[in-house]
N, C-alpha and C. Protein backbone atom coordinates (compact mmCIF):
# COMPACT_ATOMS: atom_id res chain seq x y z
N UNK A 1 0.72 41.99 33.82
CA UNK A 1 1.03 40.62 34.17
C UNK A 1 2.11 40.64 35.20
N UNK A 2 2.20 39.61 36.03
CA UNK A 2 3.13 39.54 37.08
C UNK A 2 4.40 38.68 36.71
N UNK A 3 5.48 38.92 37.47
CA UNK A 3 6.59 37.94 37.52
C UNK A 3 6.54 37.27 38.78
N UNK A 4 6.41 35.94 38.63
CA UNK A 4 6.20 35.12 39.81
C UNK A 4 7.29 34.07 39.99
N UNK A 5 7.72 34.10 41.29
CA UNK A 5 8.66 33.02 41.70
C UNK A 5 7.91 31.74 42.15
N UNK A 6 8.30 30.63 41.73
CA UNK A 6 7.66 29.32 42.27
C UNK A 6 8.90 28.46 42.72
N UNK A 7 8.77 28.01 44.02
CA UNK A 7 9.69 27.06 44.58
C UNK A 7 9.04 25.73 44.38
N UNK A 8 9.83 24.61 44.05
CA UNK A 8 9.28 23.40 43.73
C UNK A 8 10.12 22.30 44.08
N UNK A 9 9.61 21.10 44.35
CA UNK A 9 10.29 19.92 44.62
C UNK A 9 10.90 19.87 45.91
N UNK A 10 11.69 18.73 46.20
CA UNK A 10 12.32 18.53 47.48
C UNK A 10 13.73 19.19 47.61
N UNK A 11 14.33 19.21 48.65
CA UNK A 11 15.83 19.47 48.85
C UNK A 11 16.48 18.24 49.46
N UNK A 12 17.82 18.25 49.41
CA UNK A 12 18.52 17.13 50.03
C UNK A 12 19.57 17.71 51.00
N UNK A 13 19.61 17.08 52.10
CA UNK A 13 20.58 17.40 53.19
C UNK A 13 21.54 16.21 53.39
N UNK A 14 22.78 16.34 52.99
CA UNK A 14 23.66 15.18 52.89
C UNK A 14 24.18 14.88 54.33
N UNK A 15 24.30 13.68 54.60
CA UNK A 15 24.89 13.02 55.83
C UNK A 15 26.38 12.79 55.61
N UNK A 16 26.68 12.32 54.41
CA UNK A 16 28.02 11.99 53.97
C UNK A 16 28.01 12.15 52.57
N UNK A 17 29.15 11.79 51.80
CA UNK A 17 29.14 12.06 50.42
C UNK A 17 28.12 11.32 49.53
N UNK A 18 27.50 10.21 50.18
CA UNK A 18 26.51 9.42 49.31
C UNK A 18 25.09 9.42 49.92
N UNK A 19 24.97 9.75 51.14
CA UNK A 19 23.59 9.62 51.82
C UNK A 19 23.10 10.99 52.19
N UNK A 20 21.74 11.06 52.18
CA UNK A 20 21.19 12.29 52.42
C UNK A 20 19.69 12.17 52.96
N UNK A 21 19.26 13.15 53.59
CA UNK A 21 17.86 13.22 54.04
C UNK A 21 17.08 13.97 52.96
N UNK A 22 15.90 13.46 52.70
CA UNK A 22 14.97 14.15 51.75
C UNK A 22 13.50 13.69 51.90
N UNK A 23 12.65 14.00 51.00
CA UNK A 23 11.24 13.53 51.02
C UNK A 23 10.79 13.09 49.53
N UNK A 24 9.68 12.75 49.40
CA UNK A 24 9.17 12.15 48.20
C UNK A 24 8.50 13.20 47.32
N UNK A 25 8.65 14.45 47.47
CA UNK A 25 8.07 15.50 46.68
C UNK A 25 8.59 15.40 45.30
N UNK A 26 7.63 15.42 44.34
CA UNK A 26 7.90 15.08 42.89
C UNK A 26 8.06 16.36 42.06
N UNK A 27 7.62 17.55 42.60
CA UNK A 27 7.70 18.73 41.77
C UNK A 27 6.53 18.91 40.90
N UNK A 28 5.57 17.96 40.99
CA UNK A 28 4.33 18.12 39.97
C UNK A 28 3.50 19.35 40.28
N UNK A 29 3.34 19.60 41.54
CA UNK A 29 2.38 20.74 41.94
C UNK A 29 3.10 22.08 41.38
N UNK A 30 4.41 22.13 41.58
CA UNK A 30 5.11 23.38 41.15
C UNK A 30 5.08 23.52 39.62
N UNK A 31 5.29 22.43 38.94
CA UNK A 31 5.18 22.38 37.46
C UNK A 31 3.83 22.82 36.99
N UNK A 32 2.79 22.22 37.51
CA UNK A 32 1.41 22.56 37.23
C UNK A 32 1.17 24.03 37.40
N UNK A 33 1.58 24.66 38.58
CA UNK A 33 1.44 26.07 38.84
C UNK A 33 2.24 26.93 37.91
N UNK A 34 3.39 26.50 37.47
CA UNK A 34 4.14 27.21 36.49
C UNK A 34 3.46 27.26 35.11
N UNK A 35 2.92 26.11 34.71
CA UNK A 35 2.20 26.04 33.52
C UNK A 35 0.91 26.93 33.57
N UNK A 36 0.23 26.86 34.61
CA UNK A 36 -1.08 27.64 34.75
C UNK A 36 -0.67 29.17 34.66
N UNK A 37 0.38 29.53 35.33
CA UNK A 37 0.70 31.03 35.40
C UNK A 37 1.21 31.43 34.07
N UNK A 38 2.01 30.64 33.37
CA UNK A 38 2.37 30.95 32.06
C UNK A 38 1.26 31.07 31.04
N UNK A 39 0.29 30.20 31.02
CA UNK A 39 -0.89 30.24 30.25
C UNK A 39 -1.71 31.45 30.59
N UNK A 40 -1.66 32.05 31.68
CA UNK A 40 -2.39 33.30 32.10
C UNK A 40 -1.55 34.42 31.65
N UNK A 41 -0.37 34.25 31.10
CA UNK A 41 0.41 35.42 30.57
C UNK A 41 1.54 35.96 31.54
N UNK A 42 1.73 35.20 32.66
CA UNK A 42 2.81 35.68 33.54
C UNK A 42 4.04 35.23 33.39
N UNK A 43 5.03 35.80 33.76
CA UNK A 43 6.41 35.34 33.61
C UNK A 43 6.80 34.64 34.88
N UNK A 44 7.46 33.44 34.75
CA UNK A 44 7.66 32.54 35.79
C UNK A 44 9.13 32.19 35.96
N UNK A 45 9.66 32.22 37.18
CA UNK A 45 10.89 31.67 37.52
C UNK A 45 10.77 30.58 38.48
N UNK A 46 11.24 29.43 38.24
CA UNK A 46 11.15 28.28 39.17
C UNK A 46 12.48 28.06 39.76
N UNK A 47 12.42 27.94 41.07
CA UNK A 47 13.72 27.43 41.87
C UNK A 47 13.35 25.97 42.36
N UNK A 48 14.02 25.01 41.91
CA UNK A 48 13.67 23.61 42.09
C UNK A 48 14.77 22.81 42.65
N UNK A 49 14.34 21.93 43.55
CA UNK A 49 15.24 20.81 44.01
C UNK A 49 15.30 19.78 43.05
N UNK A 50 16.01 18.68 43.29
CA UNK A 50 16.09 17.54 42.34
C UNK A 50 14.81 16.84 42.08
N UNK A 51 14.41 16.81 40.79
CA UNK A 51 13.13 16.26 40.46
C UNK A 51 13.26 15.62 39.01
N UNK A 52 12.39 14.70 38.55
CA UNK A 52 12.39 14.08 37.29
C UNK A 52 11.31 14.74 36.44
N UNK A 53 10.48 15.55 37.05
CA UNK A 53 9.38 16.16 36.29
C UNK A 53 9.88 17.14 35.33
N UNK A 54 9.21 17.39 34.26
CA UNK A 54 9.54 18.44 33.26
C UNK A 54 8.84 19.75 33.51
N UNK A 55 9.54 20.79 33.59
CA UNK A 55 8.93 22.08 33.73
C UNK A 55 8.70 22.91 32.46
N UNK A 56 7.82 23.74 32.38
CA UNK A 56 7.40 24.45 31.11
C UNK A 56 8.78 25.12 30.54
N UNK A 57 8.94 25.06 29.30
CA UNK A 57 10.19 25.50 28.60
C UNK A 57 10.17 27.09 28.78
N UNK A 58 9.00 27.69 28.86
CA UNK A 58 8.96 29.13 28.92
C UNK A 58 9.30 29.65 30.26
N UNK A 59 9.39 28.80 31.26
CA UNK A 59 9.85 29.28 32.57
C UNK A 59 11.35 29.24 32.69
N UNK A 60 11.85 30.25 33.46
CA UNK A 60 13.29 30.28 33.79
C UNK A 60 13.48 29.28 34.98
N UNK A 61 14.40 28.40 34.76
CA UNK A 61 14.59 27.36 35.83
C UNK A 61 15.98 27.49 36.49
N UNK A 62 15.96 27.57 37.82
CA UNK A 62 17.16 27.51 38.64
C UNK A 62 17.16 26.22 39.51
N UNK A 63 18.08 25.39 39.21
CA UNK A 63 18.23 24.09 39.90
C UNK A 63 19.07 24.31 41.14
N UNK A 64 18.64 23.69 42.17
CA UNK A 64 19.34 23.67 43.53
C UNK A 64 19.26 22.25 44.12
N UNK A 65 20.05 22.09 45.10
CA UNK A 65 20.03 20.70 45.77
C UNK A 65 19.63 20.94 47.20
N UNK A 66 20.33 21.73 48.08
CA UNK A 66 20.09 21.84 49.41
C UNK A 66 19.08 22.94 49.84
N UNK A 67 18.59 22.98 51.03
CA UNK A 67 17.76 24.10 51.41
C UNK A 67 18.35 25.34 51.39
N UNK A 68 19.68 25.41 51.87
CA UNK A 68 20.35 26.70 51.84
C UNK A 68 20.50 27.22 50.48
N UNK A 69 20.69 26.30 49.48
CA UNK A 69 20.84 26.75 48.12
C UNK A 69 19.49 27.35 47.64
N UNK A 70 18.43 26.61 47.91
CA UNK A 70 17.10 27.07 47.54
C UNK A 70 16.71 28.39 48.23
N UNK A 71 17.16 28.58 49.48
CA UNK A 71 16.96 29.91 50.15
C UNK A 71 17.64 30.95 49.48
N UNK A 72 18.90 30.77 49.07
CA UNK A 72 19.72 31.82 48.43
C UNK A 72 19.13 32.16 47.13
N UNK A 73 18.77 31.14 46.25
CA UNK A 73 18.25 31.34 44.92
C UNK A 73 16.90 32.09 45.02
N UNK A 74 16.09 31.67 45.96
CA UNK A 74 14.69 32.21 46.05
C UNK A 74 14.77 33.64 46.51
N UNK A 75 15.58 33.94 47.58
CA UNK A 75 15.63 35.30 48.10
C UNK A 75 16.13 36.26 46.95
N UNK A 76 17.22 35.84 46.24
CA UNK A 76 17.84 36.64 45.23
C UNK A 76 16.76 36.93 44.12
N UNK A 77 15.98 35.82 43.70
CA UNK A 77 15.00 35.92 42.68
C UNK A 77 13.77 36.76 43.06
N UNK A 78 13.38 36.55 44.32
CA UNK A 78 12.19 37.32 44.84
C UNK A 78 12.29 38.77 44.74
N UNK A 79 13.51 39.30 44.92
CA UNK A 79 13.74 40.76 44.89
C UNK A 79 13.28 41.40 43.56
N UNK A 80 13.27 40.55 42.60
CA UNK A 80 12.97 41.05 41.22
C UNK A 80 11.58 40.53 40.76
N UNK A 81 10.77 40.02 41.67
CA UNK A 81 9.40 39.45 41.37
C UNK A 81 8.30 40.24 42.02
N UNK A 82 7.09 40.06 41.51
CA UNK A 82 5.92 40.57 42.20
C UNK A 82 5.42 39.66 43.26
N UNK A 83 5.54 38.49 43.11
CA UNK A 83 5.01 37.58 44.19
C UNK A 83 5.79 36.27 44.08
N UNK A 84 5.49 35.40 45.11
CA UNK A 84 6.07 34.01 45.20
C UNK A 84 5.02 32.97 45.66
N UNK A 85 5.20 31.82 45.13
CA UNK A 85 4.32 30.74 45.57
C UNK A 85 5.36 29.60 46.05
N UNK A 86 5.32 29.30 47.50
CA UNK A 86 6.17 28.33 47.85
C UNK A 86 5.62 26.94 47.84
N UNK A 87 5.75 26.30 46.61
CA UNK A 87 5.20 24.91 46.54
C UNK A 87 6.17 23.84 46.83
N UNK A 88 7.43 24.24 47.10
CA UNK A 88 8.55 23.26 47.35
C UNK A 88 8.23 22.58 48.69
N UNK A 89 8.92 21.45 48.95
CA UNK A 89 8.96 20.83 50.21
C UNK A 89 10.39 20.67 50.69
N UNK A 90 10.97 21.76 51.16
CA UNK A 90 12.36 21.78 51.57
C UNK A 90 12.53 20.72 52.75
N UNK A 91 13.68 20.16 52.82
CA UNK A 91 14.03 19.31 54.02
C UNK A 91 14.08 20.29 55.24
N UNK A 92 13.32 19.81 56.22
CA UNK A 92 13.22 20.70 57.42
C UNK A 92 14.48 20.50 58.42
N UNK A 93 15.20 19.41 58.23
CA UNK A 93 16.31 19.23 59.16
C UNK A 93 17.58 18.90 58.40
N UNK A 94 18.69 19.15 58.97
CA UNK A 94 19.99 18.81 58.38
C UNK A 94 20.99 18.33 59.43
N UNK A 95 21.90 17.48 59.12
CA UNK A 95 22.78 17.02 60.19
C UNK A 95 23.70 18.20 60.67
N UNK A 96 23.84 18.25 61.94
CA UNK A 96 24.75 19.35 62.52
C UNK A 96 26.21 19.13 61.92
N UNK A 97 26.65 17.95 61.66
CA UNK A 97 27.90 17.82 61.02
C UNK A 97 27.78 16.74 59.83
N UNK A 98 28.38 17.18 58.78
CA UNK A 98 28.40 16.23 57.54
C UNK A 98 29.79 15.52 57.49
N UNK A 99 29.62 14.24 57.48
CA UNK A 99 30.86 13.42 57.39
C UNK A 99 31.53 13.55 56.08
N UNK A 100 32.88 13.68 56.08
CA UNK A 100 33.59 13.81 54.90
C UNK A 100 33.75 12.46 54.12
N UNK A 101 33.72 11.37 54.93
CA UNK A 101 33.87 10.09 54.26
C UNK A 101 32.51 9.27 54.44
N UNK A 102 32.34 8.36 53.58
CA UNK A 102 31.02 7.40 53.72
C UNK A 102 31.05 6.79 55.20
N UNK A 103 29.85 6.94 55.77
CA UNK A 103 29.71 6.41 57.19
C UNK A 103 29.67 4.78 57.10
N UNK A 104 30.57 4.15 57.70
CA UNK A 104 30.72 2.67 57.62
C UNK A 104 29.76 2.13 58.63
N UNK A 105 29.27 0.92 58.23
CA UNK A 105 28.43 0.04 59.05
C UNK A 105 29.22 -0.58 60.26
N UNK A 106 28.79 -0.47 61.45
CA UNK A 106 29.49 -1.01 62.58
C UNK A 106 28.73 -2.09 63.34
N UNK A 107 27.49 -2.37 62.96
CA UNK A 107 26.62 -3.31 63.62
C UNK A 107 25.95 -2.59 64.90
N UNK A 108 26.18 -1.29 65.15
CA UNK A 108 25.68 -0.61 66.20
C UNK A 108 24.75 0.50 65.65
N UNK A 109 23.74 0.91 66.55
CA UNK A 109 22.86 1.98 66.18
C UNK A 109 23.62 3.29 65.82
N UNK A 110 23.18 4.05 64.89
CA UNK A 110 23.80 5.22 64.43
C UNK A 110 22.94 6.44 64.89
N UNK A 111 23.57 7.36 65.63
CA UNK A 111 22.92 8.54 66.32
C UNK A 111 23.20 9.62 65.35
N UNK A 112 22.16 10.41 64.98
CA UNK A 112 22.38 11.67 64.15
C UNK A 112 21.86 12.78 65.00
N UNK A 113 22.62 13.81 64.95
CA UNK A 113 22.18 15.17 65.58
C UNK A 113 21.78 16.06 64.42
N UNK A 114 20.43 16.37 64.50
CA UNK A 114 19.84 17.23 63.37
C UNK A 114 19.52 18.59 63.93
N UNK A 115 19.62 19.56 63.07
CA UNK A 115 19.25 20.95 63.35
C UNK A 115 18.29 21.43 62.31
N UNK A 116 17.51 22.38 62.64
CA UNK A 116 16.50 22.88 61.65
C UNK A 116 17.14 23.66 60.50
N UNK A 117 16.63 23.44 59.33
CA UNK A 117 17.08 24.35 58.16
C UNK A 117 16.38 25.66 58.16
N UNK A 118 16.77 26.59 57.38
CA UNK A 118 16.10 27.87 57.31
C UNK A 118 14.70 27.72 56.70
N UNK A 119 13.80 28.54 57.09
CA UNK A 119 12.50 28.51 56.52
C UNK A 119 12.37 29.43 55.32
N UNK A 120 12.22 28.97 54.23
CA UNK A 120 12.39 29.74 52.92
C UNK A 120 11.16 30.74 52.82
N UNK A 121 10.01 30.21 53.09
CA UNK A 121 8.74 30.94 52.79
C UNK A 121 8.62 32.10 53.90
N UNK A 122 9.14 31.80 55.05
CA UNK A 122 9.08 32.76 56.20
C UNK A 122 10.05 33.85 55.98
N UNK A 123 11.16 33.54 55.26
CA UNK A 123 12.26 34.43 54.85
C UNK A 123 11.70 35.41 53.88
N UNK A 124 11.06 34.79 52.81
CA UNK A 124 10.37 35.73 51.73
C UNK A 124 9.23 36.59 52.38
N UNK A 125 8.47 36.04 53.30
CA UNK A 125 7.46 36.85 53.89
C UNK A 125 8.08 38.03 54.65
N UNK A 126 9.21 37.77 55.29
CA UNK A 126 9.88 38.90 55.99
C UNK A 126 10.45 39.95 55.06
N UNK A 127 10.83 39.58 53.88
CA UNK A 127 11.62 40.40 53.03
C UNK A 127 10.68 41.15 51.99
N UNK A 128 9.36 40.74 51.96
CA UNK A 128 8.52 41.24 50.82
C UNK A 128 8.35 42.80 51.00
N UNK A 129 8.35 43.46 49.93
CA UNK A 129 8.23 44.91 49.93
C UNK A 129 6.70 45.27 49.68
N UNK A 130 6.48 46.52 49.75
CA UNK A 130 5.07 46.90 49.43
C UNK A 130 4.66 46.46 48.07
N UNK A 131 3.58 45.89 47.98
CA UNK A 131 3.14 45.42 46.62
C UNK A 131 3.45 43.93 46.27
N UNK A 132 4.36 43.47 47.04
CA UNK A 132 4.81 42.05 46.78
C UNK A 132 3.85 41.11 47.65
N UNK A 133 3.77 39.95 47.22
CA UNK A 133 2.91 38.96 47.96
C UNK A 133 3.56 37.56 47.95
N UNK A 134 3.17 36.82 48.96
CA UNK A 134 3.70 35.40 49.21
C UNK A 134 2.59 34.42 49.54
N UNK A 135 2.62 33.36 48.82
CA UNK A 135 1.58 32.34 49.06
C UNK A 135 2.44 31.11 49.44
N UNK A 136 2.06 30.52 50.65
CA UNK A 136 2.77 29.36 51.13
C UNK A 136 1.94 28.10 50.91
N UNK A 137 2.57 27.03 51.10
CA UNK A 137 1.94 25.69 51.19
C UNK A 137 2.18 25.02 52.57
N UNK A 138 1.12 24.45 53.13
CA UNK A 138 1.29 23.72 54.39
C UNK A 138 0.80 22.35 54.32
N UNK A 139 1.69 21.39 54.32
CA UNK A 139 1.38 19.95 54.31
C UNK A 139 1.40 19.51 55.72
N UNK A 140 0.20 19.05 56.18
CA UNK A 140 0.06 18.46 57.51
C UNK A 140 -0.68 17.14 57.63
N UNK A 141 -0.34 16.39 58.67
CA UNK A 141 -1.00 15.12 58.79
C UNK A 141 -2.22 15.12 59.77
N UNK A 142 -2.34 16.19 60.46
CA UNK A 142 -3.50 16.35 61.39
C UNK A 142 -3.68 17.84 61.67
N UNK A 143 -4.99 18.19 62.04
CA UNK A 143 -5.32 19.54 62.38
C UNK A 143 -4.92 20.56 61.19
N UNK A 144 -5.25 20.10 59.96
CA UNK A 144 -4.57 20.78 58.83
C UNK A 144 -5.00 22.24 58.79
N UNK A 145 -6.24 22.63 58.94
CA UNK A 145 -6.64 23.97 58.81
C UNK A 145 -5.97 24.81 60.00
N UNK A 146 -6.01 24.33 61.19
CA UNK A 146 -5.40 25.01 62.26
C UNK A 146 -3.98 25.37 62.05
N UNK A 147 -3.28 24.18 61.71
CA UNK A 147 -1.76 24.34 61.57
C UNK A 147 -1.46 25.25 60.36
N UNK A 148 -2.19 25.09 59.30
CA UNK A 148 -1.95 26.00 58.16
C UNK A 148 -2.13 27.42 58.51
N UNK A 149 -3.22 27.78 59.37
CA UNK A 149 -3.45 29.14 59.81
C UNK A 149 -2.25 29.69 60.70
N UNK A 150 -1.75 28.83 61.53
CA UNK A 150 -0.61 29.15 62.37
C UNK A 150 0.67 29.46 61.47
N UNK A 151 0.85 28.59 60.39
CA UNK A 151 1.98 28.86 59.53
C UNK A 151 1.74 30.12 58.72
N UNK A 152 0.48 30.35 58.35
CA UNK A 152 0.23 31.60 57.57
C UNK A 152 0.68 32.85 58.34
N UNK A 153 0.32 32.87 59.60
CA UNK A 153 0.53 34.06 60.47
C UNK A 153 1.98 34.11 60.79
N UNK A 154 2.72 32.97 61.08
CA UNK A 154 4.14 32.89 61.48
C UNK A 154 5.01 33.36 60.34
N UNK A 155 4.63 32.92 59.06
CA UNK A 155 5.44 33.06 57.94
C UNK A 155 5.08 34.34 57.14
N UNK A 156 4.16 35.14 57.68
CA UNK A 156 3.69 36.38 57.01
C UNK A 156 3.22 36.21 55.57
N UNK A 157 2.54 35.16 55.42
CA UNK A 157 1.90 34.83 54.09
C UNK A 157 0.67 35.63 53.77
N UNK A 158 0.46 36.02 52.58
CA UNK A 158 -0.87 36.64 52.30
C UNK A 158 -1.95 35.55 52.10
N UNK A 159 -1.59 34.35 51.53
CA UNK A 159 -2.46 33.25 51.42
C UNK A 159 -1.70 32.02 51.83
N UNK A 160 -2.44 30.98 52.10
CA UNK A 160 -1.67 29.72 52.31
C UNK A 160 -2.59 28.53 51.73
N UNK A 161 -1.95 27.55 51.13
CA UNK A 161 -2.61 26.29 50.66
C UNK A 161 -2.41 25.19 51.61
N UNK A 162 -3.44 24.62 52.10
CA UNK A 162 -3.41 23.49 52.93
C UNK A 162 -3.67 22.20 52.18
N UNK A 163 -2.67 21.26 52.42
CA UNK A 163 -2.98 19.91 51.83
C UNK A 163 -2.41 18.86 52.78
N UNK A 164 -2.59 17.70 52.28
CA UNK A 164 -2.13 16.50 53.19
C UNK A 164 -1.02 15.61 52.52
N UNK A 165 -0.47 14.62 53.25
CA UNK A 165 0.58 13.76 52.74
C UNK A 165 0.19 12.99 51.53
N UNK A 166 -1.08 12.73 51.29
CA UNK A 166 -1.50 12.05 50.08
C UNK A 166 -1.10 12.81 48.73
N UNK A 167 -0.74 14.06 48.87
CA UNK A 167 -0.36 14.89 47.73
C UNK A 167 1.06 14.56 47.27
N UNK A 168 1.87 14.03 48.13
CA UNK A 168 3.29 13.72 47.86
C UNK A 168 3.40 12.66 46.75
N UNK A 169 4.04 12.98 45.70
CA UNK A 169 4.34 12.13 44.57
C UNK A 169 3.06 11.52 43.96
N UNK A 170 2.04 12.32 43.93
CA UNK A 170 0.78 11.88 43.38
C UNK A 170 0.32 12.81 42.29
N UNK A 171 -0.55 12.46 41.42
CA UNK A 171 -1.17 13.22 40.35
C UNK A 171 -2.36 13.98 40.81
N UNK A 172 -2.79 13.63 42.05
CA UNK A 172 -3.97 14.28 42.59
C UNK A 172 -3.63 15.15 43.77
N UNK A 173 -4.49 16.19 44.05
CA UNK A 173 -4.43 16.92 45.24
C UNK A 173 -5.74 17.40 45.71
N UNK A 174 -5.83 17.66 47.03
CA UNK A 174 -7.06 17.99 47.67
C UNK A 174 -6.58 19.21 48.67
N UNK A 175 -6.99 20.36 48.33
CA UNK A 175 -6.41 21.60 49.03
C UNK A 175 -7.55 22.62 49.42
N UNK A 176 -7.13 23.34 50.46
CA UNK A 176 -7.89 24.46 50.86
C UNK A 176 -7.06 25.69 50.71
N UNK A 177 -7.59 26.85 50.19
CA UNK A 177 -6.81 28.01 50.10
C UNK A 177 -7.32 29.03 51.16
N UNK A 178 -6.57 29.37 52.07
CA UNK A 178 -6.88 30.22 53.22
C UNK A 178 -6.36 31.69 52.98
N UNK A 179 -7.30 32.65 53.40
CA UNK A 179 -6.78 34.05 53.41
C UNK A 179 -6.08 34.45 54.64
N UNK A 180 -5.63 35.74 54.57
CA UNK A 180 -4.87 36.12 55.71
C UNK A 180 -5.44 36.03 57.11
N UNK A 181 -6.75 35.85 57.22
CA UNK A 181 -7.41 35.78 58.45
C UNK A 181 -7.70 34.26 58.79
N UNK A 182 -7.27 33.32 57.90
CA UNK A 182 -7.61 31.93 58.12
C UNK A 182 -8.83 31.43 57.60
N UNK A 183 -9.59 32.23 56.82
CA UNK A 183 -10.77 31.81 56.27
C UNK A 183 -10.60 31.06 54.98
N UNK A 184 -11.28 30.00 54.78
CA UNK A 184 -11.25 29.18 53.52
C UNK A 184 -11.97 29.90 52.47
N UNK A 185 -11.11 30.23 51.42
CA UNK A 185 -11.76 31.04 50.24
C UNK A 185 -11.91 30.15 49.06
N UNK A 186 -11.33 28.87 49.11
CA UNK A 186 -11.55 27.91 48.06
C UNK A 186 -11.19 26.49 48.62
N UNK A 187 -11.95 25.57 48.20
CA UNK A 187 -11.62 24.13 48.41
C UNK A 187 -11.66 23.49 47.05
N UNK A 188 -10.46 22.86 46.69
CA UNK A 188 -10.27 22.37 45.33
C UNK A 188 -9.79 20.90 45.42
N UNK A 189 -10.34 20.06 44.47
CA UNK A 189 -9.82 18.73 44.47
C UNK A 189 -9.80 18.23 42.98
N UNK A 190 -8.80 17.48 42.70
CA UNK A 190 -8.67 16.96 41.31
C UNK A 190 -7.18 16.68 41.02
N UNK A 191 -6.87 16.48 39.71
CA UNK A 191 -5.52 16.31 39.30
C UNK A 191 -4.83 17.69 39.53
N UNK A 192 -3.46 17.69 39.60
CA UNK A 192 -2.74 18.76 39.99
C UNK A 192 -2.81 19.90 38.91
N UNK A 193 -3.09 19.59 37.69
CA UNK A 193 -3.21 20.57 36.71
C UNK A 193 -4.42 21.37 36.98
N UNK A 194 -5.54 20.75 37.28
CA UNK A 194 -6.90 21.44 37.57
C UNK A 194 -6.77 22.20 38.75
N UNK A 195 -6.17 21.58 39.84
CA UNK A 195 -5.99 22.27 41.09
C UNK A 195 -5.12 23.54 40.75
N UNK A 196 -4.09 23.39 40.18
CA UNK A 196 -3.18 24.56 39.88
C UNK A 196 -3.82 25.68 39.13
N UNK A 197 -4.59 25.39 38.11
CA UNK A 197 -5.34 26.42 37.40
C UNK A 197 -6.43 27.11 38.27
N UNK A 198 -7.12 26.40 39.11
CA UNK A 198 -8.09 27.06 39.97
C UNK A 198 -7.42 27.88 41.02
N UNK A 199 -6.39 27.32 41.59
CA UNK A 199 -5.63 28.02 42.54
C UNK A 199 -5.07 29.36 42.06
N UNK A 200 -4.56 29.29 40.87
CA UNK A 200 -3.93 30.48 40.38
C UNK A 200 -4.96 31.62 40.06
N UNK A 201 -6.05 31.12 39.60
CA UNK A 201 -7.13 32.14 39.34
C UNK A 201 -7.61 32.87 40.68
N UNK A 202 -7.73 32.08 41.69
CA UNK A 202 -8.08 32.53 43.04
C UNK A 202 -7.01 33.47 43.56
N UNK A 203 -5.78 33.00 43.42
CA UNK A 203 -4.67 33.77 43.97
C UNK A 203 -4.60 35.10 43.26
N UNK A 204 -4.51 35.20 41.97
CA UNK A 204 -4.51 36.37 41.23
C UNK A 204 -5.63 37.28 41.39
N UNK A 205 -6.83 36.76 41.63
CA UNK A 205 -7.96 37.57 41.87
C UNK A 205 -7.89 38.19 43.21
N UNK A 206 -7.39 37.43 44.21
CA UNK A 206 -7.25 37.99 45.49
C UNK A 206 -6.25 38.99 45.72
N UNK A 207 -5.17 39.05 44.98
CA UNK A 207 -4.07 39.88 45.17
C UNK A 207 -4.13 41.03 44.28
N UNK A 208 -5.15 41.17 43.45
CA UNK A 208 -5.26 42.34 42.60
C UNK A 208 -5.78 43.58 43.34
């Protein structure tokens, strides 16, 4: 059986002590994947951003807030794992400068200068050793399969799961699983528990 890292949920990038950038990721897909993996006899480590979902008690849980924190925890954990599934939705941008005090309203437009955050799945793809594997997730609003294939190659993933924005904070998901050549090897629809079980069976079969 494998030791699997699963990243899950959103991250937050603070603008000031009380405001932050984030998204509506609930962590449900990550929790469902963790449960499916544990039921198959795998050991699971979850690195999760702030969520209200409950993760399986048999999984080791590492809580983080920012994308940098998720990157640090994921890279440290991945070194001791057989594979990783990047189901998290980390915040892609962060402010260049974080204000030390709460930003006061002035009646004028507020301009924010944003810079990209590190790409966690791409970093894991670059760091994987012989025998390790990485499965990414690609959430796109258009050209889903094409954009997922581009991400698969760019991030050095072995497989990638393509889904759409309707998956965010939903019990349902509609996904395609693509192999390293961009071929669709599974199309799965249903609640996230069903999707997770079918995805995990396909993933473990493919990487054996």
